[in-house]
Amino acid sequence: MSAHFRLTQTAIDSKRYMTEYLPVVMSFIVKHKEKVIVADFEATPLQGAPASGLALLKFPTETNIKDFQSDPKYQPIKELRLAITTQANAVMAPEYQTPAHTRQMLRY
């Protein structure tokens, strides 16, 4: 089952983020079979005071997400990202599957 990885953060050095982080991380996106669903540096907050940036990635499995996060070659670029951002939060979740009892209710 596919899984999603959501990252929110605020870039405090957007120039380095654009020129040093993004070009390198794209190779990891390909390597770990990610698909970028959403990427926005100035996402519109609807509630609270979230970080301004949002990335939503889709992976074939949660294992792919874990492999991406623990990839030894990714660690230096991840450290760069953490150094040039603030409010970073990352979560993963499996793709939503409508429960059988809900599918039955939706048929009516």
C-alpha atoms as a PDB file:
ATOM      1  CA  MET A   1       0.000   0.000   0.000  1.00  0.00           C
ATOM      2  CA  SER A   2       1.351   3.433  -0.849  1.00  0.00           C
ATOM      3  CA  ALA A   3       2.260   5.903   1.861  1.00  0.00           C
ATOM      4  CA  HIS A   4       2.567   9.664   2.188  1.00  0.00           C
ATOM      5  CA  PHE A   5       5.299  11.770   3.741  1.00  0.00           C
ATOM      6  CA  ARG A   6       4.372  15.291   4.841  1.00  0.00           C
ATOM      7  CA  LEU A   7       7.019  17.849   5.661  1.00  0.00           C
ATOM      8  CA  THR A   8       6.299  21.348   6.935  1.00  0.00           C
ATOM      9  CA  GLN A   9       9.034  23.889   7.541  1.00  0.00           C
ATOM     10  CA  THR A  10       9.943  27.528   7.139  1.00  0.00           C
ATOM     11  CA  ALA A  11      13.068  28.322   5.128  1.00  0.00           C
ATOM     12  CA  ILE A  12      15.276  30.842   6.923  1.00  0.00           C
ATOM     13  CA  ASP A  13      17.779  30.874   4.052  1.00  0.00           C
ATOM     14  CA  SER A  14      15.683  30.447   0.926  1.00  0.00           C
ATOM     15  CA  LYS A  15      18.628  31.088  -1.405  1.00  0.00           C
ATOM     16  CA  ARG A  16      20.608  28.136  -0.011  1.00  0.00           C
ATOM     17  CA  TYR A  17      17.443  26.041   0.072  1.00  0.00           C
ATOM     18  CA  MET A  18      16.837  26.672  -3.633  1.00  0.00           C
ATOM     19  CA  THR A  19      20.457  26.401  -4.795  1.00  0.00           C
ATOM     20  CA  GLU A  20      21.986  23.806  -2.448  1.00  0.00           C
ATOM     21  CA  TYR A  21      19.203  21.619  -1.044  1.00  0.00           C
ATOM     22  CA  LEU A  22      16.604  21.245  -3.792  1.00  0.00           C
ATOM     23  CA  PRO A  23      18.938  20.246  -6.652  1.00  0.00           C
ATOM     24  CA  VAL A  24      20.477  17.472  -4.534  1.00  0.00           C
ATOM     25  CA  VAL A  25      17.303  16.171  -2.903  1.00  0.00           C
ATOM     26  CA  MET A  26      15.726  15.640  -6.322  1.00  0.00           C
ATOM     27  CA  SER A  27      18.105  12.726  -6.955  1.00  0.00           C
ATOM     28  CA  PHE A  28      16.855  11.088  -3.765  1.00  0.00           C
ATOM     29  CA  ILE A  29      13.262  11.601  -4.890  1.00  0.00           C
ATOM     30  CA  VAL A  30      14.044   9.551  -7.984  1.00  0.00           C
ATOM     31  CA  LYS A  31      16.127   6.965  -6.106  1.00  0.00           C
ATOM     32  CA  HIS A  32      13.418   6.214  -3.515  1.00  0.00           C
ATOM     33  CA  LYS A  33      10.515   6.283  -6.005  1.00  0.00           C
ATOM     34  CA  GLU A  34       8.854   9.330  -4.544  1.00  0.00           C
ATOM     35  CA  LYS A  35       6.243  11.384  -6.311  1.00  0.00           C
ATOM     36  CA  VAL A  36       5.884  15.019  -5.330  1.00  0.00           C
ATOM     37  CA  ILE A  37       2.179  15.726  -4.769  1.00  0.00           C
ATOM     38  CA  VAL A  38       2.478  19.237  -3.285  1.00  0.00           C
ATOM     39  CA  ALA A  39       5.432  21.575  -2.833  1.00  0.00           C
ATOM     40  CA  ASP A  40       4.893  25.199  -1.801  1.00  0.00           C
ATOM     41  CA  PHE A  41       7.168  27.594   0.082  1.00  0.00           C
ATOM     42  CA  GLU A  42       4.275  29.886   0.961  1.00  0.00           C
ATOM     43  CA  ALA A  43       1.348  27.582   1.721  1.00  0.00           C
ATOM     44  CA  THR A  44      -1.836  29.315   2.866  1.00  0.00           C
ATOM     45  CA  PRO A  45      -2.473  28.748   6.586  1.00  0.00           C
ATOM     46  CA  LEU A  46      -6.088  27.996   7.433  1.00  0.00           C
ATOM     47  CA  GLN A  47      -5.714  27.374  11.161  1.00  0.00           C
ATOM     48  CA  GLY A  48      -3.075  28.123  13.749  1.00  0.00           C
ATOM     49  CA  ALA A  49       0.433  29.318  12.955  1.00  0.00           C
ATOM     50  CA  PRO A  50       2.011  26.536  10.883  1.00  0.00           C
ATOM     51  CA  ALA A  51       5.338  26.646   9.100  1.00  0.00           C
ATOM     52  CA  SER A  52       5.090  28.407   5.754  1.00  0.00           C
ATOM     53  CA  GLY A  53       6.450  25.602   3.580  1.00  0.00           C
ATOM     54  CA  LEU A  54       4.740  22.335   2.766  1.00  0.00           C
ATOM     55  CA  ALA A  55       5.833  19.268   0.838  1.00  0.00           C
ATOM     56  CA  LEU A  56       3.672  16.190   0.386  1.00  0.00           C
ATOM     57  CA  LEU A  57       5.323  13.159  -1.181  1.00  0.00           C
ATOM     58  CA  LYS A  58       3.851   9.819  -2.174  1.00  0.00           C
ATOM     59  CA  PHE A  59       5.945   6.654  -1.877  1.00  0.00           C
ATOM     60  CA  PRO A  60       5.156   3.086  -2.920  1.00  0.00           C
ATOM     61  CA  THR A  61       5.369   1.930   0.732  1.00  0.00           C
ATOM     62  CA  GLU A  62       6.232   3.135   4.232  1.00  0.00           C
ATOM     63  CA  THR A  63       9.457   1.147   3.886  1.00  0.00           C
ATOM     64  CA  ASN A  64      10.455   3.451   1.009  1.00  0.00           C
ATOM     65  CA  ILE A  65       9.938   6.450   3.300  1.00  0.00           C
ATOM     66  CA  LYS A  66      12.072   4.904   6.030  1.00  0.00           C
ATOM     67  CA  ASP A  67      14.762   3.998   3.491  1.00  0.00           C
ATOM     68  CA  PHE A  68      14.751   7.575   2.197  1.00  0.00           C
ATOM     69  CA  GLN A  69      15.025   9.056   5.692  1.00  0.00           C
ATOM     70  CA  SER A  70      17.830   6.688   6.723  1.00  0.00           C
ATOM     71  CA  ASP A  71      19.780   6.717   3.444  1.00  0.00           C
ATOM     72  CA  PRO A  72      23.386   7.389   4.527  1.00  0.00           C
ATOM     73  CA  LYS A  73      24.008   9.550   1.458  1.00  0.00           C
ATOM     74  CA  TYR A  74      20.946  11.666   2.289  1.00  0.00           C
ATOM     75  CA  GLN A  75      22.097  12.506   5.823  1.00  0.00           C
ATOM     76  CA  PRO A  76      24.398  15.432   4.888  1.00  0.00           C
ATOM     77  CA  ILE A  77      21.697  17.047   2.743  1.00  0.00           C
ATOM     78  CA  LYS A  78      19.132  16.465   5.488  1.00  0.00           C
ATOM     79  CA  GLU A  79      21.465  18.220   7.943  1.00  0.00           C
ATOM     80  CA  LEU A  80      21.707  21.124   5.506  1.00  0.00           C
ATOM     81  CA  ARG A  81      17.903  21.304   5.319  1.00  0.00           C
ATOM     82  CA  LEU A  82      17.634  21.324   9.102  1.00  0.00           C
ATOM     83  CA  ALA A  83      20.260  24.078   9.325  1.00  0.00           C
ATOM     84  CA  ILE A  84      18.484  26.389   6.871  1.00  0.00           C
ATOM     85  CA  THR A  85      14.905  25.841   8.056  1.00  0.00           C
ATOM     86  CA  THR A  86      12.921  26.204  11.237  1.00  0.00           C
ATOM     87  CA  GLN A  87       9.657  24.667  12.502  1.00  0.00           C
ATOM     88  CA  ALA A  88      10.415  21.433  10.641  1.00  0.00           C
ATOM     89  CA  ASN A  89       7.909  18.633  11.192  1.00  0.00           C
ATOM     90  CA  ALA A  90       7.694  15.388   9.234  1.00  0.00           C
ATOM     91  CA  VAL A  91       5.108  12.629   9.424  1.00  0.00           C
ATOM     92  CA  MET A  92       4.227   9.551   7.398  1.00  0.00           C
ATOM     93  CA  ALA A  93       0.916   7.788   6.989  1.00  0.00           C
ATOM     94  CA  PRO A  94      -0.435   5.008   4.818  1.00  0.00           C
ATOM     95  CA  GLU A  95      -2.697   5.935   1.943  1.00  0.00           C
ATOM     96  CA  TYR A  96      -6.299   6.191   3.108  1.00  0.00           C
ATOM     97  CA  GLN A  97      -8.455   3.168   2.450  1.00  0.00           C
ATOM     98  CA  THR A  98     -12.190   3.608   2.911  1.00  0.00           C
ATOM     99  CA  PRO A  99     -13.372   1.034   5.488  1.00  0.00           C
ATOM    100  CA  ALA A 100     -15.728  -1.614   4.119  1.00  0.00           C
ATOM    101  CA  HIS A 101     -18.656  -0.497   6.329  1.00  0.00           C
ATOM    102  CA  THR A 102     -18.269   3.072   5.057  1.00  0.00           C
ATOM    103  CA  ARG A 103     -18.172   1.923   1.413  1.00  0.00           C
ATOM    104  CA  GLN A 104     -21.457   0.115   1.992  1.00  0.00           C
ATOM    105  CA  MET A 105     -23.051   3.283   3.450  1.00  0.00           C
ATOM    106  CA  LEU A 106     -21.851   5.325   0.471  1.00  0.00           C
ATOM    107  CA  ARG A 107     -23.729   3.044  -1.939  1.00  0.00           C
ATOM    108  CA  TYR A 108     -27.090   4.341  -0.686  1.00  0.00           C
END
